[in-house]
N, C-alpha and C. Protein backbone atom coordinates (compact mmCIF):
# COMPACT_ATOMS: atom_id res chain seq x y z
N MET A 1 -4.43 10.90 2.16
CA MET A 1 -3.76 10.53 1.20
C MET A 1 -2.46 11.34 1.10
N GLN A 2 -1.13 11.52 1.07
CA GLN A 2 -0.14 12.10 0.80
C GLN A 2 -0.05 12.42 -0.52
N GLN A 3 0.10 14.09 -0.51
CA GLN A 3 0.23 14.56 -2.25
C GLN A 3 1.63 15.10 -2.13
N ASN A 4 2.32 14.25 -3.55
CA ASN A 4 3.81 14.72 -4.08
C ASN A 4 3.76 16.24 -4.34
N PRO A 5 4.27 17.08 -3.50
CA PRO A 5 4.47 18.65 -4.10
C PRO A 5 4.72 18.75 -5.61
N LYS A 6 5.32 18.03 -6.18
CA LYS A 6 5.75 18.38 -7.36
C LYS A 6 4.62 18.03 -8.77
N LEU A 7 3.78 17.74 -8.11
CA LEU A 7 2.56 17.27 -9.09
C LEU A 7 1.90 18.67 -9.83
N THR A 8 1.71 18.61 -10.86
CA THR A 8 0.80 19.84 -11.59
C THR A 8 -0.40 19.70 -11.26
N THR A 9 -1.25 20.91 -12.01
CA THR A 9 -2.66 21.03 -11.07
C THR A 9 -3.41 19.56 -12.08
N GLU A 10 -3.13 19.51 -13.21
CA GLU A 10 -3.69 18.58 -13.94
C GLU A 10 -3.58 16.89 -12.94
N GLN A 11 -2.30 16.81 -13.07
CA GLN A 11 -2.31 15.63 -12.09
C GLN A 11 -2.87 15.52 -10.87
N LYS A 12 -2.83 16.49 -10.08
CA LYS A 12 -3.98 16.41 -9.09
C LYS A 12 -5.12 16.08 -9.19
N ASP A 13 -5.73 17.01 -10.27
CA ASP A 13 -7.01 16.72 -10.29
C ASP A 13 -7.52 15.32 -11.16
N VAL A 14 -6.79 14.74 -11.96
CA VAL A 14 -6.74 13.28 -12.01
C VAL A 14 -6.55 12.20 -11.10
N LEU A 15 -5.28 12.47 -10.24
CA LEU A 15 -5.44 11.60 -9.01
C LEU A 15 -6.17 11.60 -7.93
N PHE A 16 -6.30 12.80 -7.45
CA PHE A 16 -6.89 13.10 -6.07
C PHE A 16 -8.74 13.35 -6.52
N ASN A 17 -9.15 13.96 -7.70
CA ASN A 17 -10.53 14.39 -7.85
C ASN A 17 -11.33 13.04 -9.32
N LYS A 18 -10.38 12.39 -9.19
CA LYS A 18 -10.81 11.40 -10.37
C LYS A 18 -11.24 11.94 -11.78
N ALA A 19 -10.62 13.09 -12.15
CA ALA A 19 -10.62 13.51 -13.43
C ALA A 19 -10.27 12.79 -14.67
N THR A 20 -10.69 13.01 -15.60
CA THR A 20 -10.24 12.06 -16.85
C THR A 20 -9.64 13.38 -17.81
N GLU A 21 -8.24 13.15 -18.26
CA GLU A 21 -7.62 14.03 -19.30
C GLU A 21 -8.44 13.69 -20.60
N ALA A 22 -8.38 14.57 -21.54
CA ALA A 22 -9.10 14.50 -22.37
C ALA A 22 -8.10 13.50 -23.64
N PRO A 23 -8.94 12.85 -24.53
CA PRO A 23 -8.67 11.76 -25.14
C PRO A 23 -7.46 12.32 -25.86
N PHE A 24 -6.43 11.59 -26.04
CA PHE A 24 -5.38 11.89 -27.31
C PHE A 24 -4.36 12.83 -26.89
N SER A 25 -4.52 13.52 -25.49
CA SER A 25 -3.70 14.67 -24.92
C SER A 25 -2.96 13.94 -24.15
N GLY A 26 -2.44 13.25 -23.89
CA GLY A 26 -1.71 12.62 -23.00
C GLY A 26 -0.39 12.36 -23.30
N ALA A 27 0.81 13.03 -22.50
CA ALA A 27 2.24 12.73 -23.08
C ALA A 27 2.65 11.20 -23.25
N LEU A 28 2.02 10.60 -22.23
CA LEU A 28 2.65 9.10 -22.74
C LEU A 28 1.94 8.16 -23.48
N LEU A 29 1.11 8.80 -24.18
CA LEU A 29 0.31 7.83 -25.04
C LEU A 29 0.82 7.20 -26.09
N HIS A 30 1.90 8.03 -26.82
CA HIS A 30 2.79 7.49 -27.84
C HIS A 30 3.86 7.01 -27.46
N ASN A 31 4.22 7.06 -26.13
CA ASN A 31 5.68 6.48 -25.90
C ASN A 31 5.78 4.97 -26.13
N ASP A 32 6.83 4.78 -26.60
CA ASP A 32 7.16 3.50 -26.96
C ASP A 32 8.60 2.88 -26.69
N GLU A 33 9.02 3.64 -25.70
CA GLU A 33 10.37 3.04 -25.11
C GLU A 33 10.02 1.94 -23.86
N SER A 34 11.38 1.15 -23.78
CA SER A 34 10.96 0.29 -22.56
C SER A 34 11.48 0.84 -21.46
N GLY A 35 10.39 0.27 -20.31
CA GLY A 35 10.93 0.85 -19.07
C GLY A 35 9.36 0.62 -18.24
N ALA A 36 9.36 0.97 -17.10
CA ALA A 36 8.30 1.12 -16.22
C ALA A 36 7.59 2.38 -16.16
N TYR A 37 6.10 2.41 -15.89
CA TYR A 37 5.30 3.23 -15.80
C TYR A 37 5.00 3.27 -14.27
N THR A 38 5.24 4.53 -13.62
CA THR A 38 4.89 4.53 -12.25
C THR A 38 4.17 5.47 -11.78
N CYS A 39 3.55 5.49 -10.62
CA CYS A 39 2.73 6.77 -10.24
C CYS A 39 3.09 7.84 -10.04
N ALA A 40 2.50 8.69 -10.55
CA ALA A 40 3.07 10.45 -10.58
C ALA A 40 3.46 10.76 -9.05
N ASN A 41 2.26 10.30 -8.10
CA ASN A 41 2.18 10.85 -6.86
C ASN A 41 3.37 9.84 -6.10
N CYS A 42 3.05 8.63 -5.90
CA CYS A 42 4.05 7.98 -4.87
C CYS A 42 5.49 7.25 -5.70
N ASP A 43 5.67 7.08 -6.89
CA ASP A 43 6.70 6.57 -7.40
C ASP A 43 6.54 5.15 -7.47
N ALA A 44 5.57 4.21 -7.20
CA ALA A 44 5.08 2.95 -7.10
C ALA A 44 5.25 2.17 -8.69
N GLU A 45 5.61 1.27 -8.89
CA GLU A 45 5.78 1.01 -10.25
C GLU A 45 4.46 0.29 -10.60
N LEU A 46 3.74 0.69 -11.71
CA LEU A 46 2.10 0.27 -11.89
C LEU A 46 2.38 -0.70 -13.26
N PHE A 47 3.00 -0.42 -14.15
CA PHE A 47 2.76 -1.06 -15.39
C PHE A 47 3.97 -1.24 -16.08
N MET A 48 4.29 -2.30 -17.05
CA MET A 48 5.55 -2.16 -17.81
C MET A 48 5.47 -2.07 -19.23
N SER A 49 6.37 -1.49 -19.90
CA SER A 49 5.89 -1.10 -21.27
C SER A 49 5.87 -2.34 -22.23
N ASP A 50 5.99 -3.58 -22.05
CA ASP A 50 6.05 -4.90 -22.76
C ASP A 50 4.49 -5.26 -22.62
N THR A 51 3.47 -4.49 -21.79
CA THR A 51 1.99 -4.81 -21.62
C THR A 51 1.36 -3.55 -22.21
N LYS A 52 1.96 -2.68 -22.54
CA LYS A 52 1.15 -1.75 -23.22
C LYS A 52 0.94 -2.01 -24.62
N PHE A 53 -0.20 -1.34 -24.90
CA PHE A 53 -0.70 -1.54 -26.49
C PHE A 53 -1.46 -0.42 -27.11
N ASP A 54 -1.89 -0.25 -28.20
CA ASP A 54 -2.59 1.06 -28.84
C ASP A 54 -3.94 0.39 -28.84
N SER A 55 -4.92 0.82 -28.07
CA SER A 55 -6.25 0.43 -28.02
C SER A 55 -7.07 1.34 -29.08
N GLY A 56 -6.45 2.56 -29.42
CA GLY A 56 -7.43 3.49 -30.07
C GLY A 56 -8.30 4.36 -29.45
N SER A 57 -8.23 4.24 -28.03
CA SER A 57 -8.96 5.08 -27.23
C SER A 57 -8.64 6.25 -27.05
N GLY A 58 -7.34 6.44 -27.09
CA GLY A 58 -6.62 7.93 -26.93
C GLY A 58 -6.13 8.06 -25.46
N TRP A 59 -6.18 6.71 -24.90
CA TRP A 59 -5.27 6.94 -23.37
C TRP A 59 -4.54 5.72 -23.35
N PRO A 60 -3.33 5.64 -22.88
CA PRO A 60 -2.30 4.77 -22.49
C PRO A 60 -3.17 3.49 -22.02
N SER A 61 -2.73 2.31 -22.80
CA SER A 61 -3.74 0.95 -22.55
C SER A 61 -2.61 -0.35 -22.15
N PHE A 62 -3.17 -0.94 -21.05
CA PHE A 62 -1.91 -1.94 -20.91
C PHE A 62 -3.01 -3.19 -20.51
N TYR A 63 -2.54 -4.65 -20.95
CA TYR A 63 -3.52 -5.57 -20.72
C TYR A 63 -3.25 -6.15 -19.50
N LYS A 64 -2.20 -5.59 -18.59
CA LYS A 64 -1.96 -6.15 -17.12
C LYS A 64 -1.05 -5.25 -16.31
N PRO A 65 -1.41 -5.25 -15.18
CA PRO A 65 -0.40 -4.30 -14.16
C PRO A 65 1.02 -5.12 -14.08
N LYS A 66 2.04 -4.71 -13.35
CA LYS A 66 3.28 -5.23 -13.34
C LYS A 66 2.85 -6.31 -12.30
N ALA A 67 2.00 -6.14 -11.66
CA ALA A 67 2.01 -7.14 -10.26
C ALA A 67 0.33 -7.20 -9.86
N GLU A 68 -0.04 -8.10 -9.52
CA GLU A 68 -1.32 -7.94 -8.86
C GLU A 68 -1.68 -7.09 -7.91
N ASP A 69 -0.88 -7.11 -6.97
CA ASP A 69 -0.98 -5.81 -6.05
C ASP A 69 -0.32 -4.65 -5.81
N ALA A 70 -0.14 -4.26 -7.40
CA ALA A 70 0.22 -2.84 -7.76
C ALA A 70 -0.72 -1.99 -7.51
N VAL A 71 -1.86 -2.54 -8.06
CA VAL A 71 -3.30 -1.46 -8.12
C VAL A 71 -4.47 -2.38 -7.46
N GLU A 72 -5.32 -1.33 -7.36
CA GLU A 72 -6.81 -1.89 -6.63
C GLU A 72 -7.73 -1.45 -7.36
N LEU A 73 -8.76 -2.52 -7.66
CA LEU A 73 -9.81 -2.32 -8.57
C LEU A 73 -11.14 -2.25 -7.61
N VAL A 74 -11.99 -0.90 -8.01
CA VAL A 74 -12.72 -0.59 -7.15
C VAL A 74 -14.22 -0.35 -8.00
N THR A 75 -15.24 -0.81 -7.52
CA THR A 75 -16.55 -0.54 -8.35
C THR A 75 -16.79 1.02 -8.40
N ASP A 76 -16.88 1.48 -9.52
CA ASP A 76 -17.53 2.87 -9.74
C ASP A 76 -18.57 3.07 -10.35
N ILE A 77 -19.48 3.69 -9.54
CA ILE A 77 -20.99 3.91 -10.11
C ILE A 77 -21.20 5.51 -10.68
N SER A 78 -20.25 6.16 -10.60
CA SER A 78 -20.63 7.60 -11.25
C SER A 78 -20.90 7.61 -12.49
N HIS A 79 -21.56 8.77 -12.78
CA HIS A 79 -21.94 8.88 -14.17
C HIS A 79 -22.96 8.41 -14.69
N GLY A 80 -23.86 7.44 -13.84
CA GLY A 80 -24.76 6.71 -14.39
C GLY A 80 -24.22 5.32 -14.99
N MET A 81 -23.22 4.85 -14.83
CA MET A 81 -22.51 3.50 -15.06
C MET A 81 -21.91 3.02 -13.97
N VAL A 82 -22.03 1.68 -14.60
CA VAL A 82 -21.35 0.87 -13.46
C VAL A 82 -19.73 0.24 -14.42
N ARG A 83 -18.63 0.65 -13.66
CA ARG A 83 -17.33 0.55 -14.12
C ARG A 83 -16.78 0.08 -13.11
N THR A 84 -15.23 -0.27 -13.36
CA THR A 84 -14.19 -0.51 -12.53
C THR A 84 -13.23 0.30 -12.73
N GLU A 85 -12.80 1.17 -11.46
CA GLU A 85 -12.16 1.91 -11.22
C GLU A 85 -10.61 1.18 -10.91
N VAL A 86 -9.40 1.86 -11.58
CA VAL A 86 -8.10 1.14 -11.48
C VAL A 86 -7.40 2.67 -10.52
N VAL A 87 -6.82 2.03 -9.29
CA VAL A 87 -6.12 2.86 -8.42
C VAL A 87 -4.52 2.21 -7.94
N CYS A 88 -4.04 3.30 -7.61
CA CYS A 88 -2.50 2.94 -7.12
C CYS A 88 -2.92 2.48 -5.68
N LYS A 89 -2.49 0.88 -5.54
CA LYS A 89 -2.35 0.39 -4.19
C LYS A 89 -1.75 1.43 -3.26
N SER A 90 -0.60 1.64 -3.61
CA SER A 90 0.15 2.26 -2.59
C SER A 90 -0.47 3.61 -1.98
N CYS A 91 -0.66 4.46 -2.76
CA CYS A 91 -1.14 5.69 -2.39
C CYS A 91 -2.96 6.06 -2.49
N GLY A 92 -3.54 5.28 -3.19
CA GLY A 92 -4.91 5.48 -3.56
C GLY A 92 -5.35 6.58 -4.71
N GLY A 93 -4.29 7.00 -5.34
CA GLY A 93 -4.48 7.65 -6.39
C GLY A 93 -5.22 7.31 -7.57
N HIS A 94 -6.25 7.92 -8.05
CA HIS A 94 -7.17 7.56 -9.43
C HIS A 94 -5.92 7.61 -10.82
N LEU A 95 -6.41 6.37 -11.16
CA LEU A 95 -5.48 6.20 -12.58
C LEU A 95 -5.99 5.85 -13.54
N GLY A 96 -7.72 5.57 -13.65
CA GLY A 96 -8.19 5.16 -14.75
C GLY A 96 -9.30 4.19 -14.51
N HIS A 97 -9.47 3.36 -15.40
CA HIS A 97 -10.43 2.49 -15.23
C HIS A 97 -10.26 0.98 -16.23
N LEU A 98 -10.80 -0.11 -15.82
CA LEU A 98 -10.57 -1.47 -16.59
C LEU A 98 -11.83 -1.71 -17.49
N PHE A 99 -11.35 -2.22 -18.52
CA PHE A 99 -12.48 -2.84 -19.50
C PHE A 99 -12.45 -3.96 -19.78
N ASP A 100 -12.97 -4.63 -19.99
CA ASP A 100 -12.85 -6.33 -20.53
C ASP A 100 -13.05 -6.53 -22.15
N ASP A 101 -12.71 -5.61 -22.63
CA ASP A 101 -12.85 -5.36 -24.01
C ASP A 101 -11.53 -5.53 -25.27
N ALA A 102 -10.57 -6.02 -24.37
CA ALA A 102 -9.14 -6.05 -25.29
C ALA A 102 -9.20 -7.64 -26.06
N HIS A 103 -10.04 -8.12 -26.84
CA HIS A 103 -10.11 -9.41 -27.18
C HIS A 103 -8.69 -10.23 -27.73
N ASP A 104 -7.87 -8.92 -28.38
CA ASP A 104 -6.96 -9.22 -29.03
C ASP A 104 -5.35 -9.28 -28.13
N GLN A 105 -6.03 -8.92 -26.74
CA GLN A 105 -4.85 -9.08 -25.93
C GLN A 105 -4.73 -10.55 -25.18
N PRO A 106 -3.55 -10.86 -24.59
CA PRO A 106 -3.43 -11.52 -23.84
C PRO A 106 -4.45 -12.16 -22.62
N THR A 107 -4.88 -11.20 -21.74
CA THR A 107 -5.60 -11.27 -20.78
C THR A 107 -7.10 -10.86 -21.29
N GLY A 108 -7.40 -10.09 -22.34
CA GLY A 108 -8.44 -9.82 -22.80
C GLY A 108 -8.97 -8.28 -21.84
N GLN A 109 -8.12 -7.91 -21.04
CA GLN A 109 -8.30 -6.67 -20.31
C GLN A 109 -7.64 -5.37 -20.85
N ARG A 110 -8.28 -4.26 -20.78
CA ARG A 110 -7.64 -3.15 -20.82
C ARG A 110 -7.63 -2.31 -19.81
N PHE A 111 -6.60 -1.88 -19.24
CA PHE A 111 -6.35 -0.77 -18.12
C PHE A 111 -6.17 0.45 -18.94
N CYS A 112 -7.23 1.32 -19.21
CA CYS A 112 -7.44 2.36 -19.70
C CYS A 112 -6.56 3.64 -18.49
N ILE A 113 -5.68 4.22 -18.64
CA ILE A 113 -5.05 4.92 -17.64
C ILE A 113 -4.55 6.45 -18.13
N ASN A 114 -5.12 7.23 -17.45
CA ASN A 114 -4.65 8.72 -18.09
C ASN A 114 -3.03 9.06 -17.71
N SER A 115 -2.56 9.47 -18.74
CA SER A 115 -1.00 9.84 -18.89
C SER A 115 -0.72 10.70 -17.60
N ALA A 116 -1.54 11.52 -17.07
CA ALA A 116 -1.51 12.57 -15.99
C ALA A 116 -1.29 12.05 -14.81
N SER A 117 -1.42 10.53 -14.55
CA SER A 117 -1.24 9.86 -13.24
C SER A 117 -0.13 8.99 -13.34
N LEU A 118 0.60 8.86 -14.50
CA LEU A 118 1.79 8.30 -14.65
C LEU A 118 3.22 9.23 -14.70
N ASP A 119 4.24 8.40 -14.39
CA ASP A 119 5.51 8.94 -14.61
C ASP A 119 6.09 7.74 -15.60
N PHE A 120 7.19 7.89 -16.02
CA PHE A 120 7.95 6.83 -16.93
C PHE A 120 9.43 6.97 -16.70
N LYS A 121 9.69 5.53 -16.27
CA LYS A 121 11.27 5.44 -15.85
C LYS A 121 11.87 4.53 -17.05
N PRO A 122 12.78 5.32 -17.96
CA PRO A 122 13.16 4.15 -19.05
C PRO A 122 13.92 3.09 -18.34
N LYS A 123 13.92 1.94 -19.24
CA LYS A 123 14.95 1.01 -18.79
C LYS A 123 16.53 1.08 -18.89
N GLN A 124 16.92 0.86 -17.92
CA GLN A 124 18.52 1.45 -17.58
C GLN A 124 19.43 0.23 -18.63
């Protein structure tokens, strides 16, 4: 996987070592501007602001990706649990996890994504 040389240490740790940023610490958690959330490593468009919602989890949450082929879902059996990992389809970078607990959202899904794995491009 090609690494963007502009990434911070935290971004590298999240994207390539599958780390998780501390809850309520991410720069994009409370961002409410219109635009696109892109992969911090490869700049692929992953999520749109109109699908972002406040889940109360401490991480940016989206009810669907921009396109079905924007992300890849991988079974994650780490830490004694079975979860669904969300990775960037373009570069394979770790983004976060998918949960089926957003019953008040259109898809019922919560893509729980680390701010460190994302950049934000405001709508022009």
